[in-house]
Amino acid sequence: MNHQLDVNNLLCHHCEGKGYIEIRDCSGEIQCSQTCWFCHGTGICNDSNDGDD
């Protein structure tokens, strides 16, 4: 049996697994980058924080 996980399903949808997002101006130039607030810089989805606690 093969028990491999599909890594693409685990990647953060917002930063695409990079752990950061790039803020661009209207011409497309990168102005700054910041830690992704969805995955907190890990690049991995964490659905455990999405529920109502």
PDB file of N, CA and C in Angstrom:
ATOM      1  N   MET A   1       0.838  -1.196   0.000  1.00  0.00           N
ATOM      2  CA  MET A   1       0.000   0.000   0.000  1.00  0.00           C
ATOM      3  C   MET A   1       0.873   1.247   0.000  1.00  0.00           C
ATOM      4  N   ASN A   2       0.434   2.236  -0.731  1.00  0.00           N
ATOM      5  CA  ASN A   2       1.178   3.480  -0.847  1.00  0.00           C
ATOM      6  C   ASN A   2       0.437   4.566  -0.072  1.00  0.00           C
ATOM      7  N   HIS A   3       1.067   5.109   0.969  1.00  0.00           N
ATOM      8  CA  HIS A   3       0.430   6.096   1.847  1.00  0.00           C
ATOM      9  C   HIS A   3       1.070   7.463   1.688  1.00  0.00           C
ATOM     10  N   GLN A   4       1.204   7.947   0.466  1.00  0.00           N
ATOM     11  CA  GLN A   4       1.787   9.261   0.246  1.00  0.00           C
ATOM     12  C   GLN A   4       0.688  10.317   0.288  1.00  0.00           C
ATOM     13  N   LEU A   5       1.031  11.469   0.846  1.00  0.00           N
ATOM     14  CA  LEU A   5       0.106  12.599   0.883  1.00  0.00           C
ATOM     15  C   LEU A   5       0.325  13.461  -0.352  1.00  0.00           C
ATOM     16  N   ASP A   6      -0.727  14.035  -0.872  1.00  0.00           N
ATOM     17  CA  ASP A   6      -0.624  14.973  -1.975  1.00  0.00           C
ATOM     18  C   ASP A   6      -0.267  16.341  -1.390  1.00  0.00           C
ATOM     19  N   VAL A   7       0.982  16.738  -1.551  1.00  0.00           N
ATOM     20  CA  VAL A   7       1.485  17.969  -0.945  1.00  0.00           C
ATOM     21  C   VAL A   7       0.732  19.176  -1.474  1.00  0.00           C
ATOM     22  N   ASN A   8       0.263  19.155  -2.721  1.00  0.00           N
ATOM     23  CA  ASN A   8      -0.454  20.301  -3.282  1.00  0.00           C
ATOM     24  C   ASN A   8      -1.727  20.600  -2.514  1.00  0.00           C
ATOM     25  N   ASN A   9      -2.346  19.597  -1.891  1.00  0.00           N
ATOM     26  CA  ASN A   9      -3.559  19.827  -1.115  1.00  0.00           C
ATOM     27  C   ASN A   9      -3.246  20.436   0.247  1.00  0.00           C
ATOM     28  N   LEU A  10      -1.999  20.383   0.681  1.00  0.00           N
ATOM     29  CA  LEU A  10      -1.622  20.916   1.985  1.00  0.00           C
ATOM     30  C   LEU A  10      -1.092  22.345   1.906  1.00  0.00           C
ATOM     31  N   LEU A  11      -0.702  22.791   0.718  1.00  0.00           N
ATOM     32  CA  LEU A  11      -0.116  24.114   0.583  1.00  0.00           C
ATOM     33  C   LEU A  11      -1.152  25.195   0.848  1.00  0.00           C
ATOM     34  N   CYS A  12      -0.692  26.256   1.466  1.00  0.00           N
ATOM     35  CA  CYS A  12      -1.555  27.405   1.743  1.00  0.00           C
ATOM     36  C   CYS A  12      -2.048  27.990   0.419  1.00  0.00           C
ATOM     37  N   HIS A  13      -3.345  28.203   0.313  1.00  0.00           N
ATOM     38  CA  HIS A  13      -3.929  28.725  -0.924  1.00  0.00           C
ATOM     39  C   HIS A  13      -3.591  30.194  -1.157  1.00  0.00           C
ATOM     40  N   HIS A  14      -3.269  30.903  -0.091  1.00  0.00           N
ATOM     41  CA  HIS A  14      -3.044  32.345  -0.215  1.00  0.00           C
ATOM     42  C   HIS A  14      -1.629  32.668  -0.704  1.00  0.00           C
ATOM     43  N   CYS A  15      -0.623  32.019  -0.120  1.00  0.00           N
ATOM     44  CA  CYS A  15       0.768  32.297  -0.495  1.00  0.00           C
ATOM     45  C   CYS A  15       1.349  31.220  -1.412  1.00  0.00           C
ATOM     46  N   GLU A  16       0.545  30.210  -1.748  1.00  0.00           N
ATOM     47  CA  GLU A  16       0.955  29.110  -2.624  1.00  0.00           C
ATOM     48  C   GLU A  16       2.150  28.349  -2.064  1.00  0.00           C
ATOM     49  N   GLY A  17       2.217  28.243  -0.736  1.00  0.00           N
ATOM     50  CA  GLY A  17       3.255  27.456  -0.082  1.00  0.00           C
ATOM     51  C   GLY A  17       4.561  28.180   0.159  1.00  0.00           C
ATOM     52  N   LYS A  18       4.639  29.459  -0.200  1.00  0.00           N
ATOM     53  CA  LYS A  18       5.885  30.213  -0.011  1.00  0.00           C
ATOM     54  C   LYS A  18       6.074  30.676   1.428  1.00  0.00           C
ATOM     55  N   GLY A  19       4.980  30.909   2.138  1.00  0.00           N
ATOM     56  CA  GLY A  19       5.070  31.403   3.507  1.00  0.00           C
ATOM     57  C   GLY A  19       5.058  32.915   3.600  1.00  0.00           C
ATOM     58  N   TYR A  20       5.077  33.589   2.459  1.00  0.00           N
ATOM     59  CA  TYR A  20       5.034  35.047   2.439  1.00  0.00           C
ATOM     60  C   TYR A  20       4.262  35.501   1.208  1.00  0.00           C
ATOM     61  N   ILE A  21       3.795  36.726   1.252  1.00  0.00           N
ATOM     62  CA  ILE A  21       3.141  37.321   0.091  1.00  0.00           C
ATOM     63  C   ILE A  21       3.925  38.557  -0.316  1.00  0.00           C
ATOM     64  N   GLU A  22       3.873  38.867  -1.601  1.00  0.00           N
ATOM     65  CA  GLU A  22       4.567  40.033  -2.130  1.00  0.00           C
ATOM     66  C   GLU A  22       3.541  41.119  -2.431  1.00  0.00           C
ATOM     67  N   ILE A  23       3.776  42.302  -1.894  1.00  0.00           N
ATOM     68  CA  ILE A  23       2.912  43.445  -2.131  1.00  0.00           C
ATOM     69  C   ILE A  23       3.480  44.196  -3.339  1.00  0.00           C
ATOM     70  N   ARG A  24       2.653  44.348  -4.368  1.00  0.00           N
ATOM     71  CA  ARG A  24       3.106  44.998  -5.603  1.00  0.00           C
ATOM     72  C   ARG A  24       2.389  46.326  -5.821  1.00  0.00           C
ATOM     73  N   ASP A  25       3.068  47.227  -6.528  1.00  0.00           N
ATOM     74  CA  ASP A  25       2.429  48.489  -6.884  1.00  0.00           C
ATOM     75  C   ASP A  25       1.671  48.318  -8.201  1.00  0.00           C
ATOM     76  N   CYS A  26       1.099  49.396  -8.710  1.00  0.00           N
ATOM     77  CA  CYS A  26       0.251  49.300  -9.908  1.00  0.00           C
ATOM     78  C   CYS A  26       1.029  48.919 -11.159  1.00  0.00           C
ATOM     79  N   SER A  27       2.345  49.085 -11.159  1.00  0.00           N
ATOM     80  CA  SER A  27       3.142  48.694 -12.319  1.00  0.00           C
ATOM     81  C   SER A  27       3.644  47.256 -12.208  1.00  0.00           C
ATOM     82  N   GLY A  28       3.349  46.596 -11.081  1.00  0.00           N
ATOM     83  CA  GLY A  28       3.746  45.203 -10.895  1.00  0.00           C
ATOM     84  C   GLY A  28       5.073  45.001 -10.185  1.00  0.00           C
ATOM     85  N   GLU A  29       5.716  46.082  -9.809  1.00  0.00           N
ATOM     86  CA  GLU A  29       6.982  45.974  -9.086  1.00  0.00           C
ATOM     87  C   GLU A  29       6.730  45.586  -7.631  1.00  0.00           C
ATOM     88  N   ILE A  30       7.552  44.703  -7.096  1.00  0.00           N
ATOM     89  CA  ILE A  30       7.425  44.282  -5.697  1.00  0.00           C
ATOM     90  C   ILE A  30       7.886  45.421  -4.793  1.00  0.00           C
ATOM     91  N   GLN A  31       6.999  45.852  -3.912  1.00  0.00           N
ATOM     92  CA  GLN A  31       7.320  46.920  -2.981  1.00  0.00           C
ATOM     93  C   GLN A  31       7.816  46.365  -1.647  1.00  0.00           C
ATOM     94  N   CYS A  32       7.226  45.262  -1.199  1.00  0.00           N
ATOM     95  CA  CYS A  32       7.659  44.618   0.032  1.00  0.00           C
ATOM     96  C   CYS A  32       7.070  43.213   0.072  1.00  0.00           C
ATOM     97  N   SER A  33       7.552  42.426   0.982  1.00  0.00           N
ATOM     98  CA  SER A  33       6.965  41.107   1.212  1.00  0.00           C
ATOM     99  C   SER A  33       6.695  40.978   2.700  1.00  0.00           C
ATOM    100  N   GLN A  34       5.669  40.197   3.019  1.00  0.00           N
ATOM    101  CA  GLN A  34       5.319  40.016   4.422  1.00  0.00           C
ATOM    102  C   GLN A  34       4.878  38.586   4.668  1.00  0.00           C
ATOM    103  N   THR A  35       4.999  38.159   5.891  1.00  0.00           N
ATOM    104  CA  THR A  35       4.598  36.817   6.283  1.00  0.00           C
ATOM    105  C   THR A  35       3.119  36.619   6.005  1.00  0.00           C
ATOM    106  N   CYS A  36       2.795  35.489   5.426  1.00  0.00           N
ATOM    107  CA  CYS A  36       1.406  35.173   5.126  1.00  0.00           C
ATOM    108  C   CYS A  36       0.625  35.049   6.427  1.00  0.00           C
ATOM    109  N   TRP A  37      -0.527  35.739   6.494  1.00  0.00           N
ATOM    110  CA  TRP A  37      -1.319  35.718   7.728  1.00  0.00           C
ATOM    111  C   TRP A  37      -2.245  34.512   7.801  1.00  0.00           C
ATOM    112  N   PHE A  38      -2.394  33.769   6.712  1.00  0.00           N
ATOM    113  CA  PHE A  38      -3.225  32.565   6.749  1.00  0.00           C
ATOM    114  C   PHE A  38      -2.466  31.376   7.338  1.00  0.00           C
ATOM    115  N   CYS A  39      -1.197  31.206   6.934  1.00  0.00           N
ATOM    116  CA  CYS A  39      -0.416  30.048   7.400  1.00  0.00           C
ATOM    117  C   CYS A  39       0.661  30.448   8.398  1.00  0.00           C
ATOM    118  N   HIS A  40       0.779  31.730   8.698  1.00  0.00           N
ATOM    119  CA  HIS A  40       1.768  32.260   9.646  1.00  0.00           C
ATOM    120  C   HIS A  40       3.193  31.930   9.235  1.00  0.00           C
ATOM    121  N   GLY A  41       3.435  31.915   7.921  1.00  0.00           N
ATOM    122  CA  GLY A  41       4.782  31.725   7.396  1.00  0.00           C
ATOM    123  C   GLY A  41       5.208  30.288   7.185  1.00  0.00           C
ATOM    124  N   THR A  42       4.332  29.336   7.460  1.00  0.00           N
ATOM    125  CA  THR A  42       4.716  27.934   7.293  1.00  0.00           C
ATOM    126  C   THR A  42       4.530  27.438   5.873  1.00  0.00           C
ATOM    127  N   GLY A  43       3.598  28.042   5.124  1.00  0.00           N
ATOM    128  CA  GLY A  43       3.295  27.597   3.771  1.00  0.00           C
ATOM    129  C   GLY A  43       2.361  26.406   3.719  1.00  0.00           C
ATOM    130  N   ILE A  44       1.946  25.919   4.880  1.00  0.00           N
ATOM    131  CA  ILE A  44       1.090  24.738   4.983  1.00  0.00           C
ATOM    132  C   ILE A  44      -0.270  25.145   5.546  1.00  0.00           C
ATOM    133  N   CYS A  45      -1.338  24.610   4.938  1.00  0.00           N
ATOM    134  CA  CYS A  45      -2.688  24.873   5.443  1.00  0.00           C
ATOM    135  C   CYS A  45      -2.833  24.306   6.843  1.00  0.00           C
ATOM    136  N   ASN A  46      -3.555  25.033   7.672  1.00  0.00           N
ATOM    137  CA  ASN A  46      -3.848  24.563   9.016  1.00  0.00           C
ATOM    138  C   ASN A  46      -5.323  24.803   9.245  1.00  0.00           C
ATOM    139  N   ASP A  47      -6.142  23.802   8.892  1.00  0.00           N
ATOM    140  CA  ASP A  47      -7.586  23.933   8.999  1.00  0.00           C
ATOM    141  C   ASP A  47      -8.094  23.897  10.425  1.00  0.00           C
ATOM    142  N   SER A  48      -7.252  23.543  11.383  1.00  0.00           N
ATOM    143  CA  SER A  48      -7.696  23.437  12.766  1.00  0.00           C
ATOM    144  C   SER A  48      -8.055  24.805  13.349  1.00  0.00           C
ATOM    145  N   ASN A  49      -7.557  25.891  12.774  1.00  0.00           N
ATOM    146  CA  ASN A  49      -7.852  27.227  13.280  1.00  0.00           C
ATOM    147  C   ASN A  49      -9.075  27.840  12.619  1.00  0.00           C
ATOM    148  N   ASP A  50      -9.683  27.148  11.663  1.00  0.00           N
ATOM    149  CA  ASP A  50     -10.797  27.717  10.924  1.00  0.00           C
ATOM    150  C   ASP A  50     -12.151  27.504  11.583  1.00  0.00           C
ATOM    151  N   GLY A  51     -12.231  26.619  12.555  1.00  0.00           N
ATOM    152  CA  GLY A  51     -13.512  26.299  13.164  1.00  0.00           C
ATOM    153  C   GLY A  51     -13.906  27.276  14.237  1.00  0.00           C
ATOM    154  N   ASP A  52     -15.161  27.185  14.664  1.00  0.00           N
ATOM    155  CA  ASP A  52     -15.629  28.018  15.781  1.00  0.00           C
ATOM    156  C   ASP A  52     -15.253  27.329  17.092  1.00  0.00           C
ATOM    157  N   ASP A  53     -14.494  28.051  17.903  1.00  0.00           N
ATOM    158  CA  ASP A  53     -14.014  27.466  19.175  1.00  0.00           C
ATOM    159  C   ASP A  53     -14.935  27.800  20.305  1.00  0.00           C
TER     160      ASP A  53
END
